[in-house]
Amino acid sequence: MRSVDQGFDFIGKRLRHGDVEIVYDDGVARRMVWRVTGRVPEAEVDEAIAHAARELRVLPALYAELRKRRIGIEVIAG
């Protein structure tokens, strides 16, 4: 998990009941959680999160990285 340098944003990965989840929290009002669908190497998810964390607009960057890597997600919360 990592904090994003541009502000209070937090983005990270967690394992829950054998599933990989991506967590995003803007530090103010928005918390979002997605479950990764299908078989995806955790390293791919880590790379997508790391790239998004370096960007000013974290969520659009995350969605772009997930699409580029063909990583499917489903909304858990948010």
Protein backbone atom coordinates (compact mmCIF):
# COMPACT_ATOMS: atom_id res chain seq x y z
CA MET A 1 0.00 0.00 0.00
CA ARG A 2 1.22 3.49 -0.63
CA SER A 3 0.38 7.11 -0.04
CA VAL A 4 0.33 9.38 -3.03
CA ASP A 5 2.78 12.29 -2.79
CA GLN A 6 0.49 14.87 -4.40
CA GLY A 7 -1.88 15.08 -1.42
CA PHE A 8 -3.77 12.90 0.98
CA ASP A 9 -4.69 10.24 -1.56
CA PHE A 10 -3.98 6.64 -0.61
CA ILE A 11 -3.95 3.74 -3.03
CA GLY A 12 -2.95 0.19 -2.30
CA LYS A 13 -3.54 -3.52 -2.65
CA ARG A 14 -4.81 -5.94 -0.06
CA LEU A 15 -5.58 -9.64 0.07
CA ARG A 16 -8.98 -10.52 1.48
CA HIS A 17 -10.32 -14.09 1.65
CA GLY A 18 -7.96 -15.09 -1.16
CA ASP A 19 -9.01 -12.21 -3.42
CA VAL A 20 -6.85 -9.28 -4.48
CA GLU A 21 -8.47 -5.91 -3.80
CA ILE A 22 -7.44 -2.38 -4.73
CA VAL A 23 -8.25 0.34 -2.20
CA TYR A 24 -8.37 4.08 -2.90
CA ASP A 25 -9.05 6.77 -0.30
CA ASP A 26 -8.86 10.50 -1.02
CA GLY A 27 -8.40 11.36 2.66
CA VAL A 28 -11.56 13.46 2.77
CA ALA A 29 -14.78 11.93 1.52
CA ARG A 30 -14.19 9.14 -0.98
CA ARG A 31 -13.15 5.55 -0.31
CA MET A 32 -13.37 3.02 -3.11
CA VAL A 33 -12.60 -0.70 -3.15
CA TRP A 34 -12.44 -2.98 -6.20
CA ARG A 35 -11.92 -6.74 -6.40
CA VAL A 36 -9.61 -7.96 -9.16
CA THR A 37 -11.44 -10.51 -11.31
CA GLY A 38 -9.85 -13.45 -13.07
CA ARG A 39 -6.36 -14.78 -12.69
CA VAL A 40 -3.93 -11.90 -12.71
CA PRO A 41 -0.35 -11.98 -11.40
CA GLU A 42 -0.12 -9.77 -8.31
CA ALA A 43 2.97 -8.13 -9.81
CA GLU A 44 0.79 -6.75 -12.64
CA VAL A 45 -1.61 -5.23 -10.12
CA ASP A 46 1.33 -3.82 -8.13
CA GLU A 47 2.76 -2.19 -11.27
CA ALA A 48 -0.60 -0.63 -12.19
CA ILE A 49 -0.99 0.79 -8.68
CA ALA A 50 2.58 2.08 -8.61
CA HIS A 51 2.11 3.87 -11.93
CA ALA A 52 -1.19 5.43 -10.82
CA ALA A 53 0.35 6.58 -7.52
CA ARG A 54 2.92 8.64 -9.43
CA GLU A 55 0.28 10.53 -11.40
CA LEU A 56 -1.50 13.72 -10.39
CA ARG A 57 -4.91 12.28 -11.31
CA VAL A 58 -4.73 8.92 -9.55
CA LEU A 59 -8.08 7.37 -10.49
CA PRO A 60 -7.96 8.07 -14.24
CA ALA A 61 -4.38 6.76 -14.27
CA LEU A 62 -5.41 3.62 -12.38
CA TYR A 63 -8.29 2.90 -14.77
CA ALA A 64 -5.98 3.43 -17.76
CA GLU A 65 -3.34 1.09 -16.36
CA LEU A 66 -5.89 -1.61 -15.55
CA ARG A 67 -7.35 -1.37 -19.07
CA LYS A 68 -3.91 -1.44 -20.67
CA ARG A 69 -2.99 -4.58 -18.72
CA ARG A 70 -6.44 -6.15 -19.24
CA ILE A 71 -7.04 -6.41 -15.51
CA GLY A 72 -10.74 -6.77 -14.72
CA ILE A 73 -12.24 -5.29 -11.57
CA GLU A 74 -15.60 -5.21 -9.84
CA VAL A 75 -16.76 -2.58 -7.36
CA ILE A 76 -16.93 -3.66 -3.73
CA ALA A 77 -17.43 -0.23 -2.12
CA GLY A 78 -17.62 3.32 -3.37
